[in-house]
């Protein structure tokens, strides 16, 4: 009978060794076995299950070490992939030439299509990020990479999985922008204050306290929004059923989100051409209203000669039109707007 303390002590001592030292220890134990019998000391024989449990290793590991000992003797084991270049399920070998070609392509692609991070990753990553448009995907970039190659190029055999792994390894600072809400002015103000303006510990604590209070309030608003969205998704099934049978659905509601997006200039290019440096591009306003239950969105594009401002009259006209087009028999409306003064007035008007 081995005391529990001794059992734990042996396992801890074994795991304190490096992987190669553990292998040598096992091979020495196997070499010293008398007739295949495993012993903890001269007087206490152990079954194999107890021995493996004491060392904290699996049977497969033990058998691999035993087979190596029988074939090669007491020498360190070397993994079969050591000094081999990974192939990553592709038909070509990934060498420095291919890696450099992929990296150069991604950096040129990001220079043409990418935009610098607007500051959401402060204190999260030290290297500046380049964000590709949200409609971009890894596969679309891979297709552009393959399409730009010559017909006889060996890079055409590079598979998508290998291309994506090279992207993450070589250019982690090039990322795809995810659809997101507006950058909160208050959050950015507190971040900048904590990073640059708080020179004393008391000032930093006060800013941090206010920042946490703001985040609590923002979380309450987000939870309320998520609750309404989930309810609308659950009731959408009932709405669809009543819409097909032309029955009433007085208890169902529609949850809609309306918002102006950032003004867009046409033509839009990530890089400015010299000929349009002294010209003013055409300005376009975008307004969207979305049914959160089915993620169906209607976008209104207002040309420069159609812009009527972002006041209540123009906004309410588009909101009312969007609600009529999205409605499928619901009798209750829940609409989400941001905290802009004009849209607060719109909310009261609705």
Protein backbone atom coordinates (compact mmCIF):
# COMPACT_ATOMS: atom_id res chain seq x y z
CA UNK A 1 0.00 0.00 0.00
CA UNK A 2 1.48 3.35 -1.06
CA UNK A 3 0.55 6.35 1.13
CA UNK A 4 -1.46 9.04 -0.65
CA UNK A 5 1.17 11.66 0.15
CA UNK A 6 3.90 9.53 -1.42
CA UNK A 7 1.69 8.91 -4.46
CA UNK A 8 1.16 12.66 -5.00
CA UNK A 9 4.84 13.37 -4.39
CA UNK A 10 5.92 10.91 -7.10
CA UNK A 11 3.47 12.38 -9.64
CA UNK A 12 4.57 15.97 -8.88
CA UNK A 13 8.25 15.03 -9.22
CA UNK A 14 7.57 13.29 -12.55
CA UNK A 15 5.68 16.28 -14.01
CA UNK A 16 8.48 18.61 -12.95
CA UNK A 17 10.70 16.93 -15.55
CA UNK A 18 10.83 18.05 -19.17
CA UNK A 19 9.18 15.90 -21.84
CA UNK A 20 12.47 14.32 -22.95
CA UNK A 21 13.48 13.67 -19.32
CA UNK A 22 10.13 11.96 -18.70
CA UNK A 23 10.75 9.69 -21.68
CA UNK A 24 14.24 8.75 -20.44
CA UNK A 25 12.82 8.05 -16.97
CA UNK A 26 10.16 5.75 -18.41
CA UNK A 27 12.65 3.93 -20.61
CA UNK A 28 14.99 3.45 -17.64
CA UNK A 29 12.10 2.07 -15.59
CA UNK A 30 11.13 -0.30 -18.40
CA UNK A 31 14.76 -1.42 -18.79
CA UNK A 32 15.05 -2.13 -15.07
CA UNK A 33 11.81 -4.15 -14.85
CA UNK A 34 12.20 -7.71 -13.66
CA UNK A 35 10.07 -9.94 -15.83
CA UNK A 36 7.77 -7.10 -16.78
CA UNK A 37 6.76 -6.37 -13.17
CA UNK A 38 6.45 -2.68 -12.25
CA UNK A 39 7.48 -1.73 -8.72
CA UNK A 40 7.35 1.52 -6.79
CA UNK A 41 10.14 0.19 -4.57
CA UNK A 42 11.69 -3.20 -3.91
CA UNK A 43 8.76 -4.48 -1.87
CA UNK A 44 5.61 -2.91 -3.46
CA UNK A 45 4.58 -4.26 -6.88
CA UNK A 46 2.17 -2.14 -8.93
CA UNK A 47 -0.26 -2.98 -11.68
CA UNK A 48 0.17 -1.03 -14.91
CA UNK A 49 -3.04 0.98 -14.39
CA UNK A 50 -1.91 2.20 -10.97
CA UNK A 51 1.57 2.97 -12.29
CA UNK A 52 0.21 5.11 -15.14
CA UNK A 53 -2.17 6.85 -12.76
CA UNK A 54 0.69 7.60 -10.39
CA UNK A 55 2.71 9.24 -13.19
CA UNK A 56 -0.33 10.97 -14.73
CA UNK A 57 0.19 9.63 -18.26
CA UNK A 58 -1.97 7.70 -20.69
CA UNK A 59 -1.56 4.16 -21.95
CA UNK A 60 -0.86 5.33 -25.51
CA UNK A 61 2.05 7.48 -24.34
CA UNK A 62 3.42 4.57 -22.34
CA UNK A 63 3.17 2.17 -25.28
CA UNK A 64 4.84 4.67 -27.63
CA UNK A 65 7.79 4.98 -25.26
CA UNK A 66 8.00 1.18 -24.92
CA UNK A 67 8.00 0.69 -28.72
CA UNK A 68 10.68 3.38 -29.12
CA UNK A 69 12.82 1.64 -26.49
CA UNK A 70 12.49 -1.71 -28.24
CA UNK A 71 13.40 -0.19 -31.62
CA UNK A 72 16.01 2.47 -30.85
CA UNK A 73 17.21 1.90 -27.31
CA UNK A 74 17.52 4.57 -24.62
CA UNK A 75 17.75 7.71 -26.72
CA UNK A 76 15.51 10.77 -26.82
CA UNK A 77 12.42 10.61 -29.01
CA UNK A 78 12.15 13.12 -31.86
CA UNK A 79 8.76 14.05 -33.29
CA UNK A 80 8.29 13.02 -36.90
CA UNK A 81 7.43 16.58 -38.04
CA UNK A 82 10.62 18.17 -36.69
CA UNK A 83 12.54 20.04 -39.43
CA UNK A 84 9.69 19.45 -41.88
CA UNK A 85 7.91 22.35 -43.59
CA UNK A 86 4.12 22.25 -42.98
CA UNK A 87 1.97 21.52 -46.03
CA UNK A 88 -1.46 22.56 -44.60
CA UNK A 89 -3.45 20.35 -46.97
CA UNK A 90 -2.15 22.14 -50.04
CA UNK A 91 -0.40 20.84 -53.10
CA UNK A 92 2.66 23.03 -52.71
CA UNK A 93 5.24 23.47 -50.00
CA UNK A 94 4.93 26.68 -47.98
CA UNK A 95 8.37 28.32 -48.18
CA UNK A 96 9.66 31.87 -47.70
CA UNK A 97 8.90 32.81 -51.32
CA UNK A 98 5.21 31.90 -51.05
CA UNK A 99 4.89 33.51 -47.62
CA UNK A 100 6.43 36.74 -48.92
CA UNK A 101 4.13 36.79 -51.96
CA UNK A 102 1.03 36.38 -49.76
CA UNK A 103 2.19 39.05 -47.32
CA UNK A 104 2.96 41.57 -50.07
CA UNK A 105 -0.44 40.95 -51.68
CA UNK A 106 -2.29 41.46 -48.39
CA UNK A 107 -0.40 44.66 -47.58
CA UNK A 108 -1.07 46.08 -51.06
CA UNK A 109 -4.71 45.00 -50.86
CA UNK A 110 -5.10 46.69 -47.47
CA UNK A 111 -3.44 49.86 -48.75
CA UNK A 112 -6.00 50.11 -51.56
CA UNK A 113 -9.17 48.95 -49.79
CA UNK A 114 -8.43 49.31 -46.08
CA UNK A 115 -9.05 52.09 -43.61
CA UNK A 116 -7.20 52.83 -40.35
CA UNK A 117 -8.88 51.79 -37.12
CA UNK A 118 -11.05 54.62 -35.72
CA UNK A 119 -9.76 54.08 -32.19
CA UNK A 120 -11.90 51.26 -30.82
CA UNK A 121 -8.90 49.10 -29.91
CA UNK A 122 -7.14 51.51 -27.57
CA UNK A 123 -5.13 49.59 -24.92
CA UNK A 124 -6.00 46.31 -26.66
CA UNK A 125 -3.27 46.07 -29.26
CA UNK A 126 -0.17 48.22 -29.67
CA UNK A 127 0.14 47.91 -33.43
CA UNK A 128 -2.17 50.06 -35.55
CA UNK A 129 -4.89 48.12 -37.33
CA UNK A 130 -6.00 48.33 -40.94
CA UNK A 131 -9.66 47.41 -41.37
CA UNK A 132 -11.07 46.07 -44.62
CA UNK A 133 -14.73 46.87 -45.47
CA UNK A 134 -17.39 44.81 -43.70
CA UNK A 135 -18.62 43.31 -46.97
CA UNK A 136 -15.16 41.77 -47.50
CA UNK A 137 -14.59 38.13 -46.57
CA UNK A 138 -11.54 35.89 -46.37
CA UNK A 139 -12.76 33.95 -49.39
CA UNK A 140 -13.34 37.07 -51.49
CA UNK A 141 -9.78 38.24 -50.80
CA UNK A 142 -8.50 34.74 -51.60
CA UNK A 143 -10.39 34.78 -54.91
CA UNK A 144 -8.87 38.16 -55.78
CA UNK A 145 -5.44 36.75 -54.92
CA UNK A 146 -5.89 33.75 -57.23
CA UNK A 147 -7.44 35.85 -60.00
CA UNK A 148 -4.41 38.16 -60.08
CA UNK A 149 -1.93 35.33 -60.63
CA UNK A 150 -0.56 34.25 -63.96
CA UNK A 151 -1.87 31.00 -65.40
CA UNK A 152 1.40 29.15 -64.97
CA UNK A 153 2.03 30.39 -61.41
CA UNK A 154 2.54 27.67 -58.80
CA UNK A 155 0.69 29.89 -56.30
CA UNK A 156 -2.57 28.84 -57.95
CA UNK A 157 -2.21 25.55 -56.07
CA UNK A 158 -2.30 27.38 -52.73
CA UNK A 159 -5.45 26.28 -50.91
CA UNK A 160 -7.83 28.62 -49.08
CA UNK A 161 -7.04 27.21 -45.61
CA UNK A 162 -3.31 27.73 -46.11
CA UNK A 163 -3.91 31.28 -47.40
CA UNK A 164 -5.99 32.15 -44.34
CA UNK A 165 -3.42 30.70 -41.91
CA UNK A 166 -0.67 32.72 -43.59
CA UNK A 167 -2.87 35.82 -43.28
CA UNK A 168 -3.24 35.36 -39.51
CA UNK A 169 0.43 34.58 -39.01
CA UNK A 170 2.03 37.21 -41.24
CA UNK A 171 -0.41 40.15 -41.15
CA UNK A 172 -2.56 39.96 -37.99
CA UNK A 173 -2.90 43.76 -38.13
CA UNK A 174 -5.02 43.49 -41.30
CA UNK A 175 -8.55 42.64 -40.20
CA UNK A 176 -12.06 42.72 -41.60
CA UNK A 177 -14.35 45.29 -40.07
CA UNK A 178 -17.42 43.76 -38.46
CA UNK A 179 -20.83 45.44 -38.66
CA UNK A 180 -21.12 47.60 -35.57
CA UNK A 181 -22.87 50.51 -33.96
CA UNK A 182 -21.55 54.05 -33.86
CA UNK A 183 -18.43 54.81 -31.87
CA UNK A 184 -19.72 56.18 -28.54
CA UNK A 185 -18.46 59.72 -27.91
CA UNK A 186 -18.67 59.26 -24.14
CA UNK A 187 -16.69 56.00 -24.17
CA UNK A 188 -14.01 57.56 -26.37
CA UNK A 189 -13.85 60.60 -24.09
CA UNK A 190 -13.26 58.44 -21.02
CA UNK A 191 -10.68 56.27 -22.81
CA UNK A 192 -8.70 59.28 -23.94
CA UNK A 193 -8.94 60.78 -20.47
CA UNK A 194 -7.62 57.64 -18.80
CA UNK A 195 -4.83 57.26 -21.34
CA UNK A 196 -3.63 60.83 -21.80
CA UNK A 197 -5.20 63.30 -19.37
CA UNK A 198 -5.29 61.57 -15.98
CA UNK A 199 -1.99 62.64 -14.42
CA UNK A 200 -2.93 61.91 -10.81
CA UNK A 201 -4.20 58.73 -9.25
CA UNK A 202 -7.29 60.50 -7.87
CA UNK A 203 -8.21 61.82 -11.32
CA UNK A 204 -7.81 58.37 -12.85
CA UNK A 205 -10.01 56.77 -10.17
CA UNK A 206 -12.70 59.40 -10.65
CA UNK A 207 -12.67 58.95 -14.44
CA UNK A 208 -12.73 55.17 -14.08
CA UNK A 209 -15.71 55.36 -11.72
CA UNK A 210 -17.67 57.56 -14.13
CA UNK A 211 -16.69 55.30 -17.03
CA UNK A 212 -18.05 52.23 -15.21
CA UNK A 213 -21.29 54.06 -14.40
CA UNK A 214 -21.68 54.94 -18.07
CA UNK A 215 -21.07 51.32 -19.09
CA UNK A 216 -23.73 50.11 -16.63
CA UNK A 217 -26.29 52.48 -18.16
CA UNK A 218 -25.27 51.44 -21.68
CA UNK A 219 -25.65 47.78 -20.72
CA UNK A 220 -29.18 48.41 -19.43
CA UNK A 221 -30.11 50.01 -22.75
CA UNK A 222 -28.54 47.13 -24.66
CA UNK A 223 -30.37 44.55 -22.55
CA UNK A 224 -33.68 46.33 -23.17
CA UNK A 225 -32.97 46.36 -26.91
CA UNK A 226 -32.01 42.66 -26.92
CA UNK A 227 -35.14 41.77 -24.95
CA UNK A 228 -37.38 43.52 -27.49
CA UNK A 229 -35.52 41.89 -30.39
CA UNK A 230 -35.90 38.41 -28.90
CA UNK A 231 -39.60 39.01 -28.26
CA UNK A 232 -40.10 40.19 -31.85
CA UNK A 233 -38.33 37.08 -33.18
CA UNK A 234 -40.59 34.82 -31.12
CA UNK A 235 -43.72 36.62 -32.22
CA UNK A 236 -42.70 36.74 -35.88
CA UNK A 237 -43.78 33.13 -36.28
CA UNK A 238 -47.23 34.03 -35.04
CA UNK A 239 -47.32 37.08 -37.32
CA UNK A 240 -46.41 34.98 -40.37
CA UNK A 241 -49.11 32.45 -39.51
CA UNK A 242 -51.78 35.12 -39.10
CA UNK A 243 -50.61 36.89 -42.25
CA UNK A 244 -51.10 33.72 -44.29
CA UNK A 245 -54.54 33.03 -42.81
CA UNK A 246 -55.51 36.74 -42.80
CA UNK A 247 -56.39 36.52 -39.12
CA UNK A 248 -55.87 39.22 -36.51
CA UNK A 249 -52.66 39.45 -34.51
CA UNK A 250 -53.43 42.10 -31.92
CA UNK A 251 -50.90 40.72 -29.45
CA UNK A 252 -47.88 40.81 -31.80
CA UNK A 253 -45.40 43.67 -32.10
CA UNK A 254 -42.79 44.82 -34.60
CA UNK A 255 -39.38 45.91 -33.33
CA UNK A 256 -37.71 48.35 -35.72
CA UNK A 257 -34.41 50.24 -35.60
CA UNK A 258 -34.00 53.49 -37.54
CA UNK A 259 -30.79 55.41 -37.97
CA UNK A 260 -28.91 57.78 -40.27
CA UNK A 261 -25.55 56.50 -41.34
CA UNK A 262 -22.44 58.47 -42.10
CA UNK A 263 -22.64 60.67 -45.19
CA UNK A 264 -21.18 59.05 -48.30
CA UNK A 265 -19.35 60.80 -51.13
CA UNK A 266 -19.75 59.59 -54.70
CA UNK A 267 -17.55 58.40 -56.31
CA UNK A 268 -16.02 56.79 -53.23
CA UNK A 269 -12.41 55.63 -53.25
CA UNK A 270 -10.04 54.69 -50.46
CA UNK A 271 -7.27 56.50 -52.33
CA UNK A 272 -7.70 59.99 -53.72
CA UNK A 273 -6.96 60.52 -57.39
CA UNK A 274 -5.02 63.67 -58.29
CA UNK A 275 -7.62 64.91 -60.78
CA UNK A 276 -10.37 65.10 -58.13
CA UNK A 277 -8.22 66.78 -55.47
CA UNK A 278 -9.70 70.23 -56.19
CA UNK A 279 -13.22 68.95 -56.89
CA UNK A 280 -16.05 68.39 -54.42
CA UNK A 281 -17.52 64.88 -54.65
CA UNK A 282 -21.26 64.37 -54.72
CA UNK A 283 -22.73 63.97 -51.24
CA UNK A 284 -25.33 61.29 -50.50
CA UNK A 285 -27.32 60.67 -47.29
CA UNK A 286 -28.23 57.15 -46.20
CA UNK A 287 -31.08 56.29 -43.84
CA UNK A 288 -32.05 52.77 -42.85
CA UNK A 289 -34.87 51.11 -40.96
CA UNK A 290 -34.63 47.43 -40.04
CA UNK A 291 -37.09 44.83 -38.81
CA UNK A 292 -35.07 43.18 -36.04
CA UNK A 293 -37.12 39.98 -36.06
CA UNK A 294 -36.03 38.89 -39.54
CA UNK A 295 -33.07 41.27 -40.09
CA UNK A 296 -34.81 42.80 -43.09
CA UNK A 297 -33.66 46.36 -43.77
CA UNK A 298 -34.83 49.12 -46.08
CA UNK A 299 -32.24 51.74 -47.06
CA UNK A 300 -33.18 55.18 -48.34
CA UNK A 301 -30.59 56.89 -50.53
CA UNK A 302 -30.98 60.68 -50.74
CA UNK A 303 -29.10 62.39 -53.53
CA UNK A 304 -27.51 65.79 -53.04
CA UNK A 305 -30.41 67.63 -54.68
CA UNK A 306 -32.95 65.65 -52.60
CA UNK A 307 -31.49 66.23 -49.16
CA UNK A 308 -34.11 67.76 -46.88
CA UNK A 309 -32.01 67.76 -43.74
CA UNK A 310 -32.09 65.35 -40.79
CA UNK A 311 -34.94 67.05 -39.00
CA UNK A 312 -38.23 65.43 -37.89
CA UNK A 313 -40.22 65.97 -41.10
CA UNK A 314 -37.92 64.12 -43.49
CA UNK A 315 -36.97 61.44 -40.96
CA UNK A 316 -40.57 60.68 -39.98
CA UNK A 317 -41.59 60.39 -43.63
CA UNK A 318 -39.04 57.62 -44.17
CA UNK A 319 -39.83 55.93 -40.84
CA UNK A 320 -43.55 55.87 -41.64
CA UNK A 321 -42.94 54.53 -45.13
CA UNK A 322 -40.59 51.87 -43.79
CA UNK A 323 -43.05 50.73 -41.12
CA UNK A 324 -45.80 50.35 -43.72
CA UNK A 325 -43.54 48.28 -45.95
CA UNK A 326 -42.24 46.06 -43.14
CA UNK A 327 -45.58 45.55 -41.40
CA UNK A 328 -47.28 42.20 -41.79
CA UNK A 329 -50.23 42.68 -39.46
CA UNK A 330 -48.57 43.68 -36.19
CA UNK A 331 -50.52 46.06 -33.99
CA UNK A 332 -47.76 47.23 -31.65
CA UNK A 333 -44.57 49.10 -32.54
CA UNK A 334 -41.28 49.36 -30.67
CA UNK A 335 -38.71 51.56 -32.38
CA UNK A 336 -35.08 52.14 -31.43
CA UNK A 337 -33.21 55.38 -32.14
CA UNK A 338 -29.94 56.79 -30.85
CA UNK A 339 -29.60 59.75 -28.51
CA UNK A 340 -29.46 62.46 -31.16
CA UNK A 341 -31.62 65.45 -30.28
CA UNK A 342 -33.54 65.37 -33.54
CA UNK A 343 -34.35 61.68 -33.21
CA UNK A 344 -35.48 62.13 -29.61
CA UNK A 345 -37.96 64.67 -30.98
CA UNK A 346 -38.93 62.15 -33.65
CA UNK A 347 -39.54 59.52 -30.96
CA UNK A 348 -41.86 61.90 -29.10
CA UNK A 349 -43.64 62.74 -32.34
CA UNK A 350 -44.20 59.08 -33.15
